[in-house]
Amino acid sequence: MARQPSIYAGSSAIVFRVIMIVADFTDKVLQLLVSVAETDEIRNNLDLPLYDYQLLDSMRTVQLILAIEEEFGIKVSPAEFDRESWATPRKIIADLERRLQR
């Protein structure tokens, strides 16, 4: 008897693709952060307090915002920017993911 294809057969492939897209996005954001903050330490600790450790300041934040807009087309206006929501690499990634979903 021939086996009927499951309606869920392609779902694992879709999940895998979504995971890869998220991982690629995260990696690209981290690359931009490493470039702007000039330290690889960011890759090792996604909860690194960027402003407390002076890895980001107002000038570097502007550089990062411009790089993000160029790389992803995500616009972050100064009126929308919240330093607390960008306090760590993990928070930046989460904020940018939210903005992409809008």
PDB file of N, CA and C in Angstrom:
ATOM      1  N   MET A   1       0.841  -1.170   0.000  1.00  0.00           N
ATOM      2  CA  MET A   1       0.000   0.000   0.000  1.00  0.00           C
ATOM      3  C   MET A   1       0.892   1.241   0.000  1.00  0.00           C
ATOM      4  N   ALA A   2       0.612   2.159  -0.874  1.00  0.00           N
ATOM      5  CA  ALA A   2       1.418   3.383  -0.993  1.00  0.00           C
ATOM      6  C   ALA A   2       1.123   4.293   0.186  1.00  0.00           C
ATOM      7  N   ARG A   3       2.171   4.880   0.649  1.00  0.00           N
ATOM      8  CA  ARG A   3       2.042   5.778   1.787  1.00  0.00           C
ATOM      9  C   ARG A   3       1.619   7.169   1.329  1.00  0.00           C
ATOM     10  N   GLN A   4       0.656   7.735   1.990  1.00  0.00           N
ATOM     11  CA  GLN A   4       0.191   9.085   1.666  1.00  0.00           C
ATOM     12  C   GLN A   4       1.157  10.102   2.264  1.00  0.00           C
ATOM     13  N   PRO A   5       1.501  11.125   1.515  1.00  0.00           N
ATOM     14  CA  PRO A   5       2.375  12.155   2.087  1.00  0.00           C
ATOM     15  C   PRO A   5       1.663  12.900   3.215  1.00  0.00           C
ATOM     16  N   SER A   6       2.375  13.144   4.250  1.00  0.00           N
ATOM     17  CA  SER A   6       1.819  13.853   5.393  1.00  0.00           C
ATOM     18  C   SER A   6       1.736  15.343   5.092  1.00  0.00           C
ATOM     19  N   ILE A   7       0.705  15.976   5.618  1.00  0.00           N
ATOM     20  CA  ILE A   7       0.605  17.430   5.437  1.00  0.00           C
ATOM     21  C   ILE A   7       1.703  18.143   6.223  1.00  0.00           C
ATOM     22  N   TYR A   8       2.331  17.411   7.163  1.00  0.00           N
ATOM     23  CA  TYR A   8       3.391  17.996   7.979  1.00  0.00           C
ATOM     24  C   TYR A   8       4.778  17.649   7.460  1.00  0.00           C
ATOM     25  N   ALA A   9       4.870  16.938   6.342  1.00  0.00           N
ATOM     26  CA  ALA A   9       6.149  16.473   5.837  1.00  0.00           C
ATOM     27  C   ALA A   9       7.130  17.617   5.607  1.00  0.00           C
ATOM     28  N   GLY A  10       6.652  18.731   5.106  1.00  0.00           N
ATOM     29  CA  GLY A  10       7.538  19.852   4.824  1.00  0.00           C
ATOM     30  C   GLY A  10       7.738  20.785   5.992  1.00  0.00           C
ATOM     31  N   SER A  11       7.024  20.549   7.088  1.00  0.00           N
ATOM     32  CA  SER A  11       7.087  21.485   8.203  1.00  0.00           C
ATOM     33  C   SER A  11       8.458  21.507   8.862  1.00  0.00           C
ATOM     34  N   SER A  12       9.133  20.370   8.943  1.00  0.00           N
ATOM     35  CA  SER A  12      10.464  20.385   9.564  1.00  0.00           C
ATOM     36  C   SER A  12      11.450  21.158   8.697  1.00  0.00           C
ATOM     37  N   ALA A  13      11.300  21.091   7.388  1.00  0.00           N
ATOM     38  CA  ALA A  13      12.163  21.860   6.497  1.00  0.00           C
ATOM     39  C   ALA A  13      11.910  23.355   6.664  1.00  0.00           C
ATOM     40  N   ILE A  14      10.650  23.711   6.836  1.00  0.00           N
ATOM     41  CA  ILE A  14      10.302  25.123   7.033  1.00  0.00           C
ATOM     42  C   ILE A  14      10.873  25.626   8.351  1.00  0.00           C
ATOM     43  N   VAL A  15      10.722  24.839   9.400  1.00  0.00           N
ATOM     44  CA  VAL A  15      11.267  25.215  10.707  1.00  0.00           C
ATOM     45  C   VAL A  15      12.778  25.386  10.608  1.00  0.00           C
ATOM     46  N   PHE A  16      13.445  24.476   9.931  1.00  0.00           N
ATOM     47  CA  PHE A  16      14.896  24.565   9.763  1.00  0.00           C
ATOM     48  C   PHE A  16      15.280  25.856   9.043  1.00  0.00           C
ATOM     49  N   ARG A  17      14.535  26.199   7.978  1.00  0.00           N
ATOM     50  CA  ARG A  17      14.833  27.432   7.239  1.00  0.00           C
ATOM     51  C   ARG A  17      14.641  28.670   8.112  1.00  0.00           C
ATOM     52  N   VAL A  18      13.591  28.669   8.905  1.00  0.00           N
ATOM     53  CA  VAL A  18      13.334  29.804   9.804  1.00  0.00           C
ATOM     54  C   VAL A  18      14.473  29.930  10.811  1.00  0.00           C
ATOM     55  N   ILE A  19      14.898  28.809  11.378  1.00  0.00           N
ATOM     56  CA  ILE A  19      16.016  28.829  12.329  1.00  0.00           C
ATOM     57  C   ILE A  19      17.269  29.376  11.665  1.00  0.00           C
ATOM     58  N   MET A  20      17.530  28.972  10.447  1.00  0.00           N
ATOM     59  CA  MET A  20      18.721  29.447   9.727  1.00  0.00           C
ATOM     60  C   MET A  20      18.623  30.944   9.433  1.00  0.00           C
ATOM     61  N   ILE A  21      17.434  31.422   9.087  1.00  0.00           N
ATOM     62  CA  ILE A  21      17.255  32.853   8.815  1.00  0.00           C
ATOM     63  C   ILE A  21      17.491  33.657  10.087  1.00  0.00           C
ATOM     64  N   VAL A  22      16.943  33.194  11.210  1.00  0.00           N
ATOM     65  CA  VAL A  22      17.134  33.879  12.487  1.00  0.00           C
ATOM     66  C   VAL A  22      18.604  33.858  12.884  1.00  0.00           C
ATOM     67  N   ALA A  23      19.262  32.727  12.720  1.00  0.00           N
ATOM     68  CA  ALA A  23      20.690  32.615  13.062  1.00  0.00           C
ATOM     69  C   ALA A  23      21.518  33.538  12.183  1.00  0.00           C
ATOM     70  N   ASP A  24      21.190  33.614  10.899  1.00  0.00           N
ATOM     71  CA  ASP A  24      21.911  34.493   9.981  1.00  0.00           C
ATOM     72  C   ASP A  24      21.705  35.953  10.361  1.00  0.00           C
ATOM     73  N   PHE A  25      20.465  36.321  10.700  1.00  0.00           N
ATOM     74  CA  PHE A  25      20.167  37.689  11.121  1.00  0.00           C
ATOM     75  C   PHE A  25      20.953  38.039  12.381  1.00  0.00           C
ATOM     76  N   THR A  26      20.926  37.142  13.360  1.00  0.00           N
ATOM     77  CA  THR A  26      21.656  37.351  14.611  1.00  0.00           C
ATOM     78  C   THR A  26      23.140  37.526  14.346  1.00  0.00           C
ATOM     79  N   ASP A  27      23.693  36.675  13.505  1.00  0.00           N
ATOM     80  CA  ASP A  27      25.117  36.760  13.194  1.00  0.00           C
ATOM     81  C   ASP A  27      25.466  38.085  12.519  1.00  0.00           C
ATOM     82  N   LYS A  28      24.622  38.541  11.611  1.00  0.00           N
ATOM     83  CA  LYS A  28      24.884  39.814  10.923  1.00  0.00           C
ATOM     84  C   LYS A  28      24.808  40.998  11.897  1.00  0.00           C
ATOM     85  N   VAL A  29      23.827  40.963  12.806  1.00  0.00           N
ATOM     86  CA  VAL A  29      23.730  42.036  13.810  1.00  0.00           C
ATOM     87  C   VAL A  29      24.985  42.027  14.686  1.00  0.00           C
ATOM     88  N   LEU A  30      25.414  40.843  15.105  1.00  0.00           N
ATOM     89  CA  LEU A  30      26.623  40.741  15.934  1.00  0.00           C
ATOM     90  C   LEU A  30      27.848  41.232  15.181  1.00  0.00           C
ATOM     91  N   GLN A  31      27.934  40.939  13.882  1.00  0.00           N
ATOM     92  CA  GLN A  31      29.050  41.434  13.081  1.00  0.00           C
ATOM     93  C   GLN A  31      29.081  42.962  13.071  1.00  0.00           C
ATOM     94  N   LEU A  32      27.913  43.573  12.905  1.00  0.00           N
ATOM     95  CA  LEU A  32      27.841  45.036  12.926  1.00  0.00           C
ATOM     96  C   LEU A  32      28.254  45.577  14.291  1.00  0.00           C
ATOM     97  N   LEU A  33      27.781  44.938  15.350  1.00  0.00           N
ATOM     98  CA  LEU A  33      28.137  45.374  16.703  1.00  0.00           C
ATOM     99  C   LEU A  33      29.635  45.245  16.959  1.00  0.00           C
ATOM    100  N   VAL A  34      30.218  44.138  16.539  1.00  0.00           N
ATOM    101  CA  VAL A  34      31.658  43.930  16.709  1.00  0.00           C
ATOM    102  C   VAL A  34      32.427  45.014  15.962  1.00  0.00           C
ATOM    103  N   SER A  35      31.982  45.328  14.771  1.00  0.00           N
ATOM    104  CA  SER A  35      32.644  46.349  13.956  1.00  0.00           C
ATOM    105  C   SER A  35      32.560  47.731  14.607  1.00  0.00           C
ATOM    106  N   VAL A  36      31.384  48.093  15.090  1.00  0.00           N
ATOM    107  CA  VAL A  36      31.191  49.419  15.680  1.00  0.00           C
ATOM    108  C   VAL A  36      31.857  49.524  17.049  1.00  0.00           C
ATOM    109  N   ALA A  37      31.699  48.496  17.875  1.00  0.00           N
ATOM    110  CA  ALA A  37      32.255  48.535  19.239  1.00  0.00           C
ATOM    111  C   ALA A  37      33.732  48.163  19.276  1.00  0.00           C
ATOM    112  N   GLU A  38      34.207  47.596  18.182  1.00  0.00           N
ATOM    113  CA  GLU A  38      35.617  47.224  18.040  1.00  0.00           C
ATOM    114  C   GLU A  38      36.085  46.213  19.082  1.00  0.00           C
ATOM    115  N   THR A  39      35.227  45.209  19.351  1.00  0.00           N
ATOM    116  CA  THR A  39      35.610  44.122  20.250  1.00  0.00           C
ATOM    117  C   THR A  39      34.830  42.857  19.915  1.00  0.00           C
ATOM    118  N   ASP A  40      35.524  41.722  19.915  1.00  0.00           N
ATOM    119  CA  ASP A  40      34.890  40.424  19.688  1.00  0.00           C
ATOM    120  C   ASP A  40      34.188  39.911  20.943  1.00  0.00           C
ATOM    121  N   GLU A  41      34.403  40.590  22.054  1.00  0.00           N
ATOM    122  CA  GLU A  41      33.798  40.184  23.331  1.00  0.00           C
ATOM    123  C   GLU A  41      32.274  40.088  23.218  1.00  0.00           C
ATOM    124  N   ILE A  42      31.707  40.854  22.317  1.00  0.00           N
ATOM    125  CA  ILE A  42      30.259  40.878  22.103  1.00  0.00           C
ATOM    126  C   ILE A  42      29.737  39.510  21.699  1.00  0.00           C
ATOM    127  N   ARG A  43      30.491  38.792  20.888  1.00  0.00           N
ATOM    128  CA  ARG A  43      30.062  37.458  20.428  1.00  0.00           C
ATOM    129  C   ARG A  43      30.021  36.450  21.578  1.00  0.00           C
ATOM    130  N   ASN A  44      30.855  36.643  22.575  1.00  0.00           N
ATOM    131  CA  ASN A  44      30.964  35.692  23.681  1.00  0.00           C
ATOM    132  C   ASN A  44      29.946  35.919  24.782  1.00  0.00           C
ATOM    133  N   ASN A  45      29.361  37.111  24.828  1.00  0.00           N
ATOM    134  CA  ASN A  45      28.428  37.431  25.904  1.00  0.00           C
ATOM    135  C   ASN A  45      27.302  38.308  25.365  1.00  0.00           C
ATOM    136  N   LEU A  46      26.177  37.680  25.067  1.00  0.00           N
ATOM    137  CA  LEU A  46      25.042  38.428  24.516  1.00  0.00           C
ATOM    138  C   LEU A  46      24.369  39.321  25.553  1.00  0.00           C
ATOM    139  N   ASP A  47      24.755  39.162  26.814  1.00  0.00           N
ATOM    140  CA  ASP A  47      24.206  40.009  27.882  1.00  0.00           C
ATOM    141  C   ASP A  47      25.211  41.059  28.359  1.00  0.00           C
ATOM    142  N   LEU A  48      26.225  41.299  27.569  1.00  0.00           N
ATOM    143  CA  LEU A  48      27.248  42.291  27.885  1.00  0.00           C
ATOM    144  C   LEU A  48      26.622  43.681  27.932  1.00  0.00           C
ATOM    145  N   PRO A  49      26.766  44.409  29.035  1.00  0.00           N
ATOM    146  CA  PRO A  49      26.182  45.758  29.126  1.00  0.00           C
ATOM    147  C   PRO A  49      27.001  46.758  28.302  1.00  0.00           C
ATOM    148  N   LEU A  50      26.549  47.014  27.112  1.00  0.00           N
ATOM    149  CA  LEU A  50      27.314  47.787  26.129  1.00  0.00           C
ATOM    150  C   LEU A  50      27.598  49.223  26.560  1.00  0.00           C
ATOM    151  N   TYR A  51      26.627  49.884  27.142  1.00  0.00           N
ATOM    152  CA  TYR A  51      26.822  51.280  27.553  1.00  0.00           C
ATOM    153  C   TYR A  51      27.583  51.356  28.874  1.00  0.00           C
ATOM    154  N   ASP A  52      27.301  50.438  29.778  1.00  0.00           N
ATOM    155  CA  ASP A  52      28.005  50.436  31.067  1.00  0.00           C
ATOM    156  C   ASP A  52      29.505  50.210  30.885  1.00  0.00           C
ATOM    157  N   TYR A  53      29.860  49.373  29.910  1.00  0.00           N
ATOM    158  CA  TYR A  53      31.272  49.089  29.631  1.00  0.00           C
ATOM    159  C   TYR A  53      31.852  50.036  28.599  1.00  0.00           C
ATOM    160  N   GLN A  54      31.070  51.031  28.200  1.00  0.00           N
ATOM    161  CA  GLN A  54      31.467  52.060  27.244  1.00  0.00           C
ATOM    162  C   GLN A  54      31.899  51.497  25.887  1.00  0.00           C
ATOM    163  N   LEU A  55      31.254  50.386  25.517  1.00  0.00           N
ATOM    164  CA  LEU A  55      31.481  49.822  24.189  1.00  0.00           C
ATOM    165  C   LEU A  55      30.625  50.546  23.163  1.00  0.00           C
ATOM    166  N   LEU A  56      29.499  51.086  23.620  1.00  0.00           N
ATOM    167  CA  LEU A  56      28.668  51.967  22.803  1.00  0.00           C
ATOM    168  C   LEU A  56      28.501  53.289  23.536  1.00  0.00           C
ATOM    169  N   ASP A  57      28.551  54.353  22.766  1.00  0.00           N
ATOM    170  CA  ASP A  57      28.244  55.691  23.263  1.00  0.00           C
ATOM    171  C   ASP A  57      27.343  56.334  22.221  1.00  0.00           C
ATOM    172  N   SER A  58      27.074  57.607  22.333  1.00  0.00           N
ATOM    173  CA  SER A  58      26.128  58.230  21.401  1.00  0.00           C
ATOM    174  C   SER A  58      26.624  58.177  19.950  1.00  0.00           C
ATOM    175  N   MET A  59      27.894  58.419  19.727  1.00  0.00           N
ATOM    176  CA  MET A  59      28.443  58.394  18.358  1.00  0.00           C
ATOM    177  C   MET A  59      28.419  56.985  17.777  1.00  0.00           C
ATOM    178  N   ARG A  60      28.818  56.017  18.561  1.00  0.00           N
ATOM    179  CA  ARG A  60      28.829  54.633  18.071  1.00  0.00           C
ATOM    180  C   ARG A  60      27.402  54.115  17.878  1.00  0.00           C
ATOM    181  N   THR A  61      26.480  54.583  18.687  1.00  0.00           N
ATOM    182  CA  THR A  61      25.084  54.189  18.507  1.00  0.00           C
ATOM    183  C   THR A  61      24.571  54.704  17.168  1.00  0.00           C
ATOM    184  N   VAL A  62      24.902  55.939  16.830  1.00  0.00           N
ATOM    185  CA  VAL A  62      24.504  56.493  15.530  1.00  0.00           C
ATOM    186  C   VAL A  62      25.139  55.674  14.408  1.00  0.00           C
ATOM    187  N   GLN A  63      26.409  55.310  14.545  1.00  0.00           N
ATOM    188  CA  GLN A  63      27.070  54.474  13.537  1.00  0.00           C
ATOM    189  C   GLN A  63      26.342  53.142  13.389  1.00  0.00           C
ATOM    190  N   LEU A  64      25.967  52.549  14.517  1.00  0.00           N
ATOM    191  CA  LEU A  64      25.271  51.272  14.493  1.00  0.00           C
ATOM    192  C   LEU A  64      23.896  51.407  13.832  1.00  0.00           C
ATOM    193  N   ILE A  65      23.169  52.454  14.172  1.00  0.00           N
ATOM    194  CA  ILE A  65      21.848  52.691  13.569  1.00  0.00           C
ATOM    195  C   ILE A  65      21.973  52.826  12.058  1.00  0.00           C
ATOM    196  N   LEU A  66      22.967  53.561  11.597  1.00  0.00           N
ATOM    197  CA  LEU A  66      23.167  53.736  10.158  1.00  0.00           C
ATOM    198  C   LEU A  66      23.552  52.419   9.490  1.00  0.00           C
ATOM    199  N   ALA A  67      24.406  51.640  10.138  1.00  0.00           N
ATOM    200  CA  ALA A  67      24.817  50.344   9.596  1.00  0.00           C
ATOM    201  C   ALA A  67      23.629  49.380   9.518  1.00  0.00           C
ATOM    202  N   ILE A  68      22.774  49.408  10.526  1.00  0.00           N
ATOM    203  CA  ILE A  68      21.587  48.547  10.546  1.00  0.00           C
ATOM    204  C   ILE A  68      20.624  48.943   9.427  1.00  0.00           C
ATOM    205  N   GLU A  69      20.454  50.238   9.240  1.00  0.00           N
ATOM    206  CA  GLU A  69      19.577  50.698   8.164  1.00  0.00           C
ATOM    207  C   GLU A  69      20.129  50.273   6.806  1.00  0.00           C
ATOM    208  N   GLU A  70      21.427  50.405   6.631  1.00  0.00           N
ATOM    209  CA  GLU A  70      22.057  50.026   5.361  1.00  0.00           C
ATOM    210  C   GLU A  70      21.977  48.514   5.130  1.00  0.00           C
ATOM    211  N   GLU A  71      22.239  47.729   6.157  1.00  0.00           N
ATOM    212  CA  GLU A  71      22.279  46.268   6.030  1.00  0.00           C
ATOM    213  C   GLU A  71      20.890  45.644   5.906  1.00  0.00           C
ATOM    214  N   PHE A  72      19.948  46.115   6.720  1.00  0.00           N
ATOM    215  CA  PHE A  72      18.639  45.470   6.800  1.00  0.00           C
ATOM    216  C   PHE A  72      17.473  46.323   6.333  1.00  0.00           C
ATOM    217  N   GLY A  73      17.716  47.618   6.131  1.00  0.00           N
ATOM    218  CA  GLY A  73      16.611  48.496   5.754  1.00  0.00           C
ATOM    219  C   GLY A  73      15.709  48.843   6.923  1.00  0.00           C
ATOM    220  N   ILE A  74      16.176  48.609   8.134  1.00  0.00           N
ATOM    221  CA  ILE A  74      15.396  48.914   9.335  1.00  0.00           C
ATOM    222  C   ILE A  74      15.739  50.339   9.768  1.00  0.00           C
ATOM    223  N   LYS A  75      14.731  51.177   9.828  1.00  0.00           N
ATOM    224  CA  LYS A  75      14.954  52.559  10.247  1.00  0.00           C
ATOM    225  C   LYS A  75      14.663  52.697  11.742  1.00  0.00           C
ATOM    226  N   VAL A  76      15.627  53.258  12.448  1.00  0.00           N
ATOM    227  CA  VAL A  76      15.464  53.534  13.878  1.00  0.00           C
ATOM    228  C   VAL A  76      15.659  55.036  14.050  1.00  0.00           C
ATOM    229  N   SER A  77      14.562  55.733  14.256  1.00  0.00           N
ATOM    230  CA  SER A  77      14.672  57.182  14.409  1.00  0.00           C
ATOM    231  C   SER A  77      15.090  57.508  15.844  1.00  0.00           C
ATOM    232  N   PRO A  78      15.746  58.647  16.031  1.00  0.00           N
ATOM    233  CA  PRO A  78      16.125  59.054  17.390  1.00  0.00           C
ATOM    234  C   PRO A  78      14.935  59.122  18.342  1.00  0.00           C
ATOM    235  N   ALA A  79      13.756  59.465  17.822  1.00  0.00           N
ATOM    236  CA  ALA A  79      12.566  59.543  18.671  1.00  0.00           C
ATOM    237  C   ALA A  79      12.137  58.157  19.160  1.00  0.00           C
ATOM    238  N   GLU A  80      12.430  57.112  18.387  1.00  0.00           N
ATOM    239  CA  GLU A  80      12.066  55.744  18.761  1.00  0.00           C
ATOM    240  C   GLU A  80      13.146  55.049  19.572  1.00  0.00           C
ATOM    241  N   PHE A  81      14.354  55.595  19.558  1.00  0.00           N
ATOM    242  CA  PHE A  81      15.470  54.919  20.198  1.00  0.00           C
ATOM    243  C   PHE A  81      15.331  54.954  21.723  1.00  0.00           C
ATOM    244  N   ASP A  82      15.514  53.786  22.324  1.00  0.00           N
ATOM    245  CA  ASP A  82      15.490  53.662  23.776  1.00  0.00           C
ATOM    246  C   ASP A  82      16.770  52.948  24.192  1.00  0.00           C
ATOM    247  N   ARG A  83      17.635  53.666  24.860  1.00  0.00           N
ATOM    248  CA  ARG A  83      18.933  53.121  25.245  1.00  0.00           C
ATOM    249  C   ARG A  83      18.802  51.830  26.064  1.00  0.00           C
ATOM    250  N   GLU A  84      17.792  51.764  26.926  1.00  0.00           N
ATOM    251  CA  GLU A  84      17.596  50.562  27.739  1.00  0.00           C
ATOM    252  C   GLU A  84      17.274  49.349  26.878  1.00  0.00           C
ATOM    253  N   SER A  85      16.517  49.557  25.803  1.00  0.00           N
ATOM    254  CA  SER A  85      16.173  48.427  24.945  1.00  0.00           C
ATOM    255  C   SER A  85      17.343  48.020  24.048  1.00  0.00           C
ATOM    256  N   TRP A  86      18.417  48.775  24.093  1.00  0.00           N
ATOM    257  CA  TRP A  86      19.636  48.438  23.346  1.00  0.00           C
ATOM    258  C   TRP A  86      20.826  48.271  24.297  1.00  0.00           C
ATOM    259  N   ALA A  87      20.570  47.941  25.532  1.00  0.00           N
ATOM    260  CA  ALA A  87      21.629  47.867  26.547  1.00  0.00           C
ATOM    261  C   ALA A  87      22.581  46.695  26.349  1.00  0.00           C
ATOM    262  N   THR A  88      22.115  45.621  25.713  1.00  0.00           N
ATOM    263  CA  THR A  88      22.947  44.431  25.497  1.00  0.00           C
ATOM    264  C   THR A  88      22.770  43.959  24.058  1.00  0.00           C
ATOM    265  N   PRO A  89      23.694  43.148  23.562  1.00  0.00           N
ATOM    266  CA  PRO A  89      23.505  42.587  22.217  1.00  0.00           C
ATOM    267  C   PRO A  89      22.181  41.819  22.089  1.00  0.00           C
ATOM    268  N   ARG A  90      21.832  41.050  23.098  1.00  0.00           N
ATOM    269  CA  ARG A  90      20.578  40.281  23.065  1.00  0.00           C
ATOM    270  C   ARG A  90      19.372  41.210  22.923  1.00  0.00           C
ATOM    271  N   LYS A  91      19.380  42.324  23.645  1.00  0.00           N
ATOM    272  CA  LYS A  91      18.265  43.271  23.573  1.00  0.00           C
ATOM    273  C   LYS A  91      18.203  43.968  22.224  1.00  0.00           C
ATOM    274  N   ILE A  92      19.357  44.258  21.644  1.00  0.00           N
ATOM    275  CA  ILE A  92      19.379  44.887  20.313  1.00  0.00           C
ATOM    276  C   ILE A  92      18.774  43.937  19.285  1.00  0.00           C
ATOM    277  N   ILE A  93      19.202  42.683  19.330  1.00  0.00           N
ATOM    278  CA  ILE A  93      18.680  41.687  18.387  1.00  0.00           C
ATOM    279  C   ILE A  93      17.168  41.550  18.547  1.00  0.00           C
ATOM    280  N   ALA A  94      16.691  41.470  19.777  1.00  0.00           N
ATOM    281  CA  ALA A  94      15.255  41.335  20.034  1.00  0.00           C
ATOM    282  C   ALA A  94      14.487  42.555  19.519  1.00  0.00           C
ATOM    283  N   ASP A  95      15.020  43.753  19.758  1.00  0.00           N
ATOM    284  CA  ASP A  95      14.357  44.976  19.300  1.00  0.00           C
ATOM    285  C   ASP A  95      14.288  45.005  17.777  1.00  0.00           C
ATOM    286  N   LEU A  96      15.369  44.638  17.120  1.00  0.00           N
ATOM    287  CA  LEU A  96      15.383  44.648  15.656  1.00  0.00           C
ATOM    288  C   LEU A  96      14.441  43.588  15.088  1.00  0.00           C
ATOM    289  N   GLU A  97      14.362  42.426  15.734  1.00  0.00           N
ATOM    290  CA  GLU A  97      13.424  41.396  15.284  1.00  0.00           C
ATOM    291  C   GLU A  97      11.989  41.898  15.398  1.00  0.00           C
ATOM    292  N   ARG A  98      11.671  42.611  16.481  1.00  0.00           N
ATOM    293  CA  ARG A  98      10.330  43.191  16.636  1.00  0.00           C
ATOM    294  C   ARG A  98      10.043  44.191  15.526  1.00  0.00           C
ATOM    295  N   ARG A  99      11.027  45.001  15.217  1.00  0.00           N
ATOM    296  CA  ARG A  99      10.841  46.017  14.165  1.00  0.00           C
ATOM    297  C   ARG A  99      10.622  45.361  12.797  1.00  0.00           C
ATOM    298  N   LEU A 100      11.282  44.241  12.552  1.00  0.00           N
ATOM    299  CA  LEU A 100      11.099  43.534  11.275  1.00  0.00           C
ATOM    300  C   LEU A 100       9.688  42.972  11.146  1.00  0.00           C
ATOM    301  N   GLN A 101       9.074  42.621  12.254  1.00  0.00           N
ATOM    302  CA  GLN A 101       7.747  42.013  12.245  1.00  0.00           C
ATOM    303  C   GLN A 101       6.639  43.034  12.057  1.00  0.00           C
ATOM    304  N   ARG A 102       6.938  44.300  12.174  1.00  0.00           N
ATOM    305  CA  ARG A 102       5.910  45.352  12.026  1.00  0.00           C
ATOM    306  C   ARG A 102       5.432  45.451  10.613  1.00  0.00           C
TER     307      ARG A 102
END
